[in-house]
Amino acid sequence: MHSRQRLIETKGLNMAEGQKTFSWEKSADSVRLFLGGDVMTGRGVDQLFATHNEGDFNKPDAVSARQYLEWSALMHGAEIRPLRHDYIWGAALSVFDTVRPDFRLVNLETSITTCSAWERKRFNFRMHPANTGCLLAAELDCCSLANNHVLDFGVQGMRDTIAALDAAGIGHAGAGNDLDEAVRPYRTELPDGKRILVFSWGFPDSGCGFSHWQARSGNPGINLLPDYSERSVKAIAGAVRTYRRNGDLVVASLHWGWNRVQRVPDTHRAFARYLIDQAGVDVIHGHSAHHVLGAEVIKGRPVLYGCGDLINDYEGKAEYREYKGYLGALFFLDLDRETNRMMHLRIVPLQRRRFRLEAPSKEDAGSVLNAVRKLQ
């Protein structure tokens, strides 16, 4: 039996009573990470708060951000606005208080800006800088930015995003004013001196394949790799060698894959193995598909192929109901402090209702956990 099944614990909330049914004990020789998927606080979510961007920006093919609130209201009833910034996290906040991870990482899939010069693409996400507090409410340490929405409002929108995170004291990786900045990992040191490095890369199959989005020498953009070739493996290995010190914990946050894929692509699984075997990566934090995908452990290193959406405004759209796109999960990893090998992965399934994270039904929780176990 693959070690993946032995190491992954699929405990969560008591779906009938909404109470925690487990205790979280943390070994003194471990580091605990929280990894979350896509946090899409732009568009409809932005509209929940007192200060927000306009609901549209004169884009001919765009659905107004307010429409997403109306679709949700038809299904669940309207929420009373404006709301506090911590509202969207709902049940997740009590989980965080119980679990107390040492480090918290998500993929921030929106720009934080008031800029209205939109990129010519199908969907554009932006959150008003006044609402950065919704990220602080979850006490996030770092946001991955190498994705297909951080440049939705151009270079200025990306720079505004970085400035907003810097002002809030939230780390970031994967975007910058040139290639060196975009490749550079976020680095933090835990109280005992243990360092965590977060690198962030995007790939064309996630929708961020625009050539002008690629950060280059003297050219702002994101940390974008063209494919899953040996050359890309070597690029990641080179970046890790440049910044890693002995004992560092290296996280590769990867925005990869098409939306709503039914299985983890073989190319992703092979690439993950190369990153662990050849590039010195300890944890792979995958995201993009909008729903949870499988996970496995390779040589003691955890690979989360798709953490799903954690925060978004899609809950009222019929097509997302069909594949249960209203579900998400919190992923907590305990890693051995000396070897960086995984000791435990615990998963807390959640659902989004009225743009707030809540305990799902037992059936829905089971579907999330089954997705994590399934790789084929």
Protein backbone atom coordinates (compact mmCIF):
# COMPACT_ATOMS: atom_id res chain seq x y z
CA MET A 1 0.00 0.00 0.00
CA HIS A 2 1.34 3.44 -0.92
CA SER A 3 2.46 5.52 2.06
CA ARG A 4 0.08 8.25 0.92
CA GLN A 5 -2.89 6.46 2.48
CA ARG A 6 -1.10 5.87 5.76
CA LEU A 7 0.05 9.46 6.22
CA ILE A 8 -3.07 11.35 5.16
CA GLU A 9 -5.69 11.77 7.88
CA THR A 10 -9.11 12.80 6.64
CA LYS A 11 -10.64 14.07 9.83
CA GLY A 12 -12.66 17.24 9.76
CA LEU A 13 -15.65 18.88 11.39
CA ASN A 14 -18.61 17.02 12.81
CA MET A 15 -21.04 17.73 9.99
CA ALA A 16 -24.17 17.09 12.01
CA GLU A 17 -23.34 19.32 14.96
CA GLY A 18 -20.74 21.68 13.52
CA GLN A 19 -18.34 20.81 16.34
CA LYS A 20 -14.71 19.75 16.14
CA THR A 21 -14.39 16.03 16.69
CA PHE A 22 -10.62 15.76 16.96
CA SER A 23 -7.74 17.23 18.90
CA TRP A 24 -4.58 18.51 17.28
CA GLU A 25 -1.40 17.45 18.99
CA LYS A 26 1.82 18.78 17.56
CA SER A 27 5.15 17.13 18.15
CA ALA A 28 7.91 19.38 19.44
CA ASP A 29 10.16 18.17 16.62
CA SER A 30 7.75 19.17 13.84
CA VAL A 31 6.86 22.21 11.75
CA ARG A 32 3.18 22.73 10.95
CA LEU A 33 2.16 24.38 7.67
CA PHE A 34 -1.24 25.52 6.50
CA LEU A 35 -1.62 25.38 2.72
CA GLY A 36 -4.71 26.82 1.08
CA GLY A 37 -5.73 26.89 -2.56
CA ASP A 38 -6.94 29.82 -4.62
CA VAL A 39 -8.09 32.84 -2.61
CA MET A 40 -10.14 34.91 -5.05
CA THR A 41 -11.13 37.99 -3.07
CA GLY A 42 -11.80 40.15 -6.12
CA ARG A 43 -14.97 40.80 -8.09
CA GLY A 44 -18.04 39.66 -6.10
CA VAL A 45 -16.18 39.16 -2.81
CA ASP A 46 -14.81 42.70 -3.03
CA GLN A 47 -18.40 43.96 -3.25
CA LEU A 48 -19.18 42.61 0.22
CA PHE A 49 -17.18 45.30 1.96
CA ALA A 50 -17.90 48.98 2.63
CA THR A 51 -15.14 50.22 0.30
CA HIS A 52 -14.89 48.38 -3.00
CA ASN A 53 -14.21 48.81 -6.68
CA GLU A 54 -17.02 49.55 -9.09
CA GLY A 55 -18.98 46.48 -10.10
CA ASP A 56 -17.86 46.75 -13.73
CA PHE A 57 -15.07 48.50 -15.63
CA ASN A 58 -16.48 49.15 -19.09
CA LYS A 59 -15.42 45.80 -20.44
CA PRO A 60 -17.88 44.70 -23.16
CA ASP A 61 -17.91 40.98 -22.33
CA ALA A 62 -17.77 41.27 -18.53
CA VAL A 63 -20.50 40.25 -16.10
CA SER A 64 -20.84 42.86 -13.37
CA ALA A 65 -19.26 41.87 -10.05
CA ARG A 66 -22.62 42.58 -8.41
CA GLN A 67 -24.24 39.85 -10.51
CA TYR A 68 -22.35 37.21 -8.53
CA LEU A 69 -23.98 38.51 -5.35
CA GLU A 70 -27.39 38.34 -6.98
CA TRP A 71 -26.86 34.73 -8.12
CA SER A 72 -25.89 33.77 -4.58
CA ALA A 73 -28.91 35.59 -3.14
CA LEU A 74 -31.26 33.63 -5.40
CA MET A 75 -29.88 30.41 -3.95
CA HIS A 76 -29.18 31.25 -0.32
CA GLY A 77 -30.82 34.60 0.38
CA ALA A 78 -29.05 37.93 0.46
CA GLU A 79 -26.42 38.72 3.08
CA ILE A 80 -26.56 42.05 4.90
CA ARG A 81 -23.80 44.30 3.64
CA PRO A 82 -21.31 45.79 4.27
CA LEU A 83 -19.52 42.98 6.08
CA ARG A 84 -16.46 42.74 8.29
CA HIS A 85 -13.28 41.57 6.64
CA ASP A 86 -13.17 38.38 8.71
CA TYR A 87 -16.66 37.34 7.54
CA ILE A 88 -15.48 35.34 4.53
CA TRP A 89 -13.34 32.97 6.63
CA GLY A 90 -16.22 31.80 8.81
CA ALA A 91 -15.54 28.37 10.37
CA ALA A 92 -11.92 28.41 9.18
CA LEU A 93 -10.97 30.94 11.86
CA SER A 94 -11.88 28.62 14.72
CA VAL A 95 -9.93 25.83 13.01
CA PHE A 96 -6.87 28.10 12.77
CA ASP A 97 -7.22 28.98 16.46
CA THR A 98 -7.24 25.28 17.32
CA VAL A 99 -4.55 24.07 14.94
CA ARG A 100 -2.15 27.04 15.29
CA PRO A 101 0.05 26.42 12.25
CA ASP A 102 3.58 27.81 12.24
CA PHE A 103 3.18 29.13 8.69
CA ARG A 104 0.21 29.98 6.44
CA LEU A 105 0.35 30.05 2.63
CA VAL A 106 -2.33 30.55 -0.05
CA ASN A 107 -2.43 31.38 -3.74
CA LEU A 108 -3.81 34.93 -4.07
CA GLU A 109 -5.67 34.87 -7.36
CA THR A 110 -6.60 38.51 -7.74
CA SER A 111 -4.94 41.87 -8.12
CA ILE A 112 -5.25 44.38 -5.28
CA THR A 113 -5.78 47.66 -7.07
CA THR A 114 -8.13 50.42 -8.13
CA CYS A 115 -6.57 50.44 -11.59
CA SER A 116 -9.16 50.17 -14.38
CA ALA A 117 -6.82 49.50 -17.30
CA TRP A 118 -7.81 45.85 -17.76
CA GLU A 119 -5.96 43.17 -19.65
CA ARG A 120 -7.73 41.79 -22.71
CA LYS A 121 -8.66 38.41 -21.30
CA ARG A 122 -11.88 36.66 -20.44
CA PHE A 123 -12.01 37.16 -16.65
CA ASN A 124 -10.45 39.97 -14.63
CA PHE A 125 -10.26 40.04 -10.82
CA ARG A 126 -9.43 43.00 -8.62
CA MET A 127 -9.93 43.82 -4.95
CA HIS A 128 -9.81 47.32 -3.51
CA PRO A 129 -6.65 47.90 -1.41
CA ALA A 130 -8.89 48.94 1.48
CA ASN A 131 -9.93 45.29 1.77
CA THR A 132 -6.48 43.79 2.33
CA GLY A 133 -7.77 43.29 5.88
CA CYS A 134 -9.61 40.19 4.67
CA LEU A 135 -6.19 38.57 4.14
CA LEU A 136 -4.94 39.77 7.51
CA ALA A 137 -8.02 38.25 9.17
CA ALA A 138 -6.66 34.78 8.36
CA GLU A 139 -3.16 35.79 9.57
CA LEU A 140 -1.62 34.75 6.27
CA ASP A 141 2.16 34.72 6.14
CA CYS A 142 2.63 34.50 2.39
CA CYS A 143 0.72 34.67 -0.89
CA SER A 144 1.79 33.00 -4.11
CA LEU A 145 1.45 35.45 -7.01
CA ALA A 146 2.63 33.54 -10.10
CA ASN A 147 -0.88 32.96 -11.43
CA ASN A 148 -3.27 34.06 -14.18
CA HIS A 149 -4.94 36.96 -12.35
CA VAL A 150 -2.27 39.04 -10.62
CA LEU A 151 -1.71 40.94 -13.92
CA ASP A 152 -5.40 41.28 -14.79
CA PHE A 153 -5.03 45.05 -14.51
CA GLY A 154 -1.60 45.28 -16.02
CA VAL A 155 1.78 45.99 -14.51
CA GLN A 156 0.34 48.80 -12.41
CA GLY A 157 -2.20 46.42 -10.91
CA MET A 158 0.58 43.95 -10.09
CA ARG A 159 2.70 46.66 -8.49
CA ASP A 160 -0.30 47.85 -6.47
CA THR A 161 -0.82 44.26 -5.30
CA ILE A 162 2.76 43.91 -4.12
CA ALA A 163 2.60 47.31 -2.40
CA ALA A 164 -0.64 46.38 -0.61
CA LEU A 165 0.83 43.10 0.66
CA ASP A 166 4.02 44.83 1.75
CA ALA A 167 2.02 47.45 3.65
CA ALA A 168 0.05 44.70 5.39
CA GLY A 169 3.19 42.76 6.30
CA ILE A 170 2.16 39.76 4.19
CA GLY A 171 4.92 38.03 2.26
CA HIS A 172 4.71 37.17 -1.43
CA ALA A 173 6.57 35.27 -4.13
CA GLY A 174 6.30 34.83 -7.89
CA ALA A 175 5.97 38.38 -9.24
CA GLY A 176 8.18 41.45 -9.44
CA ASN A 177 9.72 44.27 -11.41
CA ASP A 178 12.16 41.92 -13.15
CA LEU A 179 13.05 38.25 -13.34
CA ASP A 180 15.28 38.33 -10.26
CA GLU A 181 12.43 39.67 -8.12
CA ALA A 182 9.90 37.23 -9.57
CA VAL A 183 12.14 34.20 -8.97
CA ARG A 184 13.26 35.27 -5.51
CA PRO A 185 11.52 33.23 -2.80
CA TYR A 186 9.76 34.57 0.23
CA ARG A 187 11.97 33.73 3.20
CA THR A 188 10.99 33.63 6.83
CA GLU A 189 12.60 32.33 9.99
CA LEU A 190 10.67 30.57 12.74
CA PRO A 191 11.47 31.39 16.40
CA ASP A 192 13.83 28.40 16.66
CA GLY A 193 15.81 29.52 13.61
CA LYS A 194 14.21 27.13 11.10
CA ARG A 195 13.87 28.86 7.71
CA ILE A 196 11.01 28.41 5.26
CA LEU A 197 11.47 29.37 1.60
CA VAL A 198 8.46 29.74 -0.69
CA PHE A 199 9.02 29.80 -4.46
CA SER A 200 6.13 30.47 -6.83
CA TRP A 201 5.88 29.45 -10.50
CA GLY A 202 3.06 29.66 -13.04
CA PHE A 203 2.55 27.52 -16.15
CA PRO A 204 0.74 28.19 -19.44
CA ASP A 205 -1.80 25.40 -18.94
CA SER A 206 -3.28 27.38 -16.01
CA GLY A 207 -4.08 30.37 -18.22
CA CYS A 208 -1.04 32.53 -17.47
CA GLY A 209 0.78 31.84 -20.70
CA PHE A 210 0.74 35.38 -22.12
CA SER A 211 4.25 36.11 -23.34
CA HIS A 212 4.17 39.70 -22.08
CA TRP A 213 3.40 38.43 -18.55
CA GLN A 214 6.80 36.74 -18.32
CA ALA A 215 9.17 38.57 -16.00
CA ARG A 216 12.50 39.21 -17.67
CA SER A 217 15.55 41.32 -17.07
CA GLY A 218 14.16 44.85 -17.02
CA ASN A 219 10.61 43.59 -17.65
CA PRO A 220 8.00 43.30 -14.84
CA GLY A 221 5.85 40.21 -14.65
CA ILE A 222 5.39 36.80 -13.06
CA ASN A 223 7.69 33.84 -12.61
CA LEU A 224 6.50 31.81 -15.59
CA LEU A 225 7.88 28.55 -16.96
CA PRO A 226 6.92 27.43 -20.49
CA ASP A 227 6.39 23.69 -19.88
CA TYR A 228 7.25 20.63 -17.78
CA SER A 229 10.48 19.83 -19.57
CA GLU A 230 13.91 19.01 -18.18
CA ARG A 231 14.85 22.62 -18.85
CA SER A 232 12.10 23.79 -16.46
CA VAL A 233 13.26 21.32 -13.82
CA LYS A 234 16.77 22.72 -14.13
CA ALA A 235 15.44 26.29 -13.79
CA ILE A 236 13.73 25.40 -10.52
CA ALA A 237 16.75 23.46 -9.28
CA GLY A 238 18.98 26.43 -10.02
CA ALA A 239 16.73 28.82 -8.11
CA VAL A 240 16.59 26.48 -5.11
CA ARG A 241 20.39 26.09 -5.08
CA THR A 242 20.82 29.86 -5.17
CA TYR A 243 18.77 30.57 -2.08
CA ARG A 244 18.68 27.40 0.00
CA ARG A 245 20.81 26.91 3.09
CA ASN A 246 21.36 23.62 4.85
CA GLY A 247 18.21 22.70 6.80
CA ASP A 248 15.85 25.08 4.97
CA LEU A 249 12.32 23.92 4.20
CA VAL A 250 11.57 24.57 0.52
CA VAL A 251 7.99 24.96 -0.73
CA ALA A 252 7.25 25.15 -4.46
CA SER A 253 3.87 26.79 -5.06
CA LEU A 254 2.74 25.87 -8.57
CA HIS A 255 -0.19 27.32 -10.52
CA TRP A 256 -0.71 24.58 -13.06
CA GLY A 257 -3.40 22.78 -15.02
CA TRP A 258 -6.73 23.56 -16.63
CA ASN A 259 -9.92 24.38 -14.75
CA ARG A 260 -12.18 21.49 -13.74
CA VAL A 261 -9.83 18.71 -14.80
CA GLN A 262 -11.08 15.26 -13.82
CA ARG A 263 -7.69 13.75 -12.94
CA VAL A 264 -4.15 14.80 -12.18
CA PRO A 265 -2.22 14.93 -15.48
CA ASP A 266 0.62 12.46 -15.87
CA THR A 267 2.90 15.36 -16.78
CA HIS A 268 2.26 16.96 -13.38
CA ARG A 269 3.01 13.74 -11.51
CA ALA A 270 6.25 13.21 -13.41
CA PHE A 271 7.27 16.84 -12.90
CA ALA A 272 6.58 16.61 -9.17
CA ARG A 273 8.87 13.61 -8.90
CA TYR A 274 11.63 15.42 -10.78
CA LEU A 275 11.32 18.44 -8.47
CA ILE A 276 11.75 16.21 -5.43
CA ASP A 277 14.44 13.97 -6.91
CA GLN A 278 16.47 16.62 -8.73
CA ALA A 279 15.54 20.11 -7.54
CA GLY A 280 15.55 19.74 -3.75
CA VAL A 281 11.89 20.70 -3.23
CA ASP A 282 10.34 19.52 0.07
CA VAL A 283 6.66 20.45 -0.41
CA ILE A 284 4.65 20.97 -3.60
CA HIS A 285 1.66 23.29 -3.21
CA GLY A 286 -0.45 22.95 -6.36
CA HIS A 287 -3.49 24.98 -7.38
CA SER A 288 -5.57 26.19 -10.35
CA ALA A 289 -8.30 23.63 -11.09
CA HIS A 290 -11.01 25.32 -8.91
CA HIS A 291 -11.63 22.03 -7.11
CA VAL A 292 -9.59 19.67 -4.94
CA LEU A 293 -7.36 17.10 -6.67
CA GLY A 294 -5.30 14.17 -5.44
CA ALA A 295 -2.27 14.14 -3.17
CA GLU A 296 0.61 11.77 -2.62
CA VAL A 297 3.89 11.44 -0.76
CA ILE A 298 7.09 10.95 -2.76
CA LYS A 299 10.16 9.97 -0.74
CA GLY A 300 8.62 11.54 2.35
CA ARG A 301 7.79 14.79 0.51
CA PRO A 302 4.10 15.77 0.24
CA VAL A 303 2.64 16.72 -3.13
CA LEU A 304 -0.74 18.47 -3.15
CA TYR A 305 -1.66 18.53 -6.84
CA GLY A 306 -4.69 20.76 -6.41
CA CYS A 307 -5.78 22.49 -3.22
CA GLY A 308 -8.97 23.77 -4.86
CA ASP A 309 -10.57 27.16 -4.36
CA LEU A 310 -10.73 28.36 -0.78
CA ILE A 311 -12.41 31.75 -1.33
CA ASN A 312 -14.36 32.71 -4.47
CA ASP A 313 -17.66 34.19 -5.68
CA TYR A 314 -18.84 31.30 -7.88
CA GLU A 315 -21.30 29.64 -5.50
CA GLY A 316 -24.45 30.81 -7.32
CA LYS A 317 -23.38 29.73 -10.81
CA ALA A 318 -25.14 26.58 -11.99
CA GLU A 319 -22.14 24.98 -13.70
CA TYR A 320 -20.11 25.21 -10.51
CA ARG A 321 -22.86 23.54 -8.54
CA GLU A 322 -22.74 20.61 -10.95
CA TYR A 323 -19.19 19.66 -10.02
CA LYS A 324 -19.47 20.89 -6.41
CA GLY A 325 -17.28 23.91 -6.98
CA TYR A 326 -18.65 25.39 -3.75
CA LEU A 327 -16.43 23.02 -1.74
CA GLY A 328 -12.92 23.66 -0.50
CA ALA A 329 -10.50 22.47 2.16
CA LEU A 330 -7.83 23.47 4.62
CA PHE A 331 -4.61 21.43 4.37
CA PHE A 332 -2.35 21.10 7.41
CA LEU A 333 1.04 19.43 7.10
CA ASP A 334 3.27 18.38 9.99
CA LEU A 335 6.86 17.99 8.79
CA ASP A 336 9.85 16.67 10.68
CA ARG A 337 11.93 19.67 11.71
CA GLU A 338 15.24 17.96 10.94
CA THR A 339 14.54 16.00 7.76
CA ASN A 340 11.58 18.00 6.32
CA ARG A 341 9.80 14.69 5.73
CA MET A 342 6.06 14.58 6.20
CA MET A 343 4.69 13.18 9.43
CA HIS A 344 0.98 13.94 8.95
CA LEU A 345 -1.38 15.60 6.49
CA ARG A 346 -4.75 16.53 7.95
CA ILE A 347 -7.58 17.91 5.85
CA VAL A 348 -10.60 19.96 6.93
CA PRO A 349 -13.32 20.10 4.22
CA LEU A 350 -15.41 23.28 4.03
CA GLN A 351 -18.10 24.77 1.82
CA ARG A 352 -18.79 28.32 0.68
CA ARG A 353 -22.28 29.65 1.39
CA ARG A 354 -23.14 33.34 1.20
CA PHE A 355 -19.41 33.83 0.53
CA ARG A 356 -18.52 32.39 3.94
CA LEU A 357 -16.73 29.16 4.83
CA GLU A 358 -18.94 26.70 6.69
CA ALA A 359 -18.98 23.04 7.64
CA PRO A 360 -20.27 20.96 4.69
CA SER A 361 -22.65 18.04 4.81
CA LYS A 362 -21.18 14.63 5.55
CA GLU A 363 -21.68 13.67 1.90
CA ASP A 364 -19.92 16.79 0.59
CA ALA A 365 -17.07 16.35 3.05
CA GLY A 366 -16.68 12.80 1.84
CA SER A 367 -16.46 13.94 -1.77
CA VAL A 368 -13.59 16.31 -0.89
CA LEU A 369 -11.69 13.62 0.95
CA ASN A 370 -12.27 11.09 -1.83
CA ALA A 371 -10.88 13.59 -4.32
CA VAL A 372 -7.68 13.92 -2.27
CA ARG A 373 -7.26 10.12 -2.22
CA LYS A 374 -7.89 9.78 -5.96
CA LEU A 375 -5.07 10.22 -8.44
CA GLN A 376 -6.32 8.24 -11.45
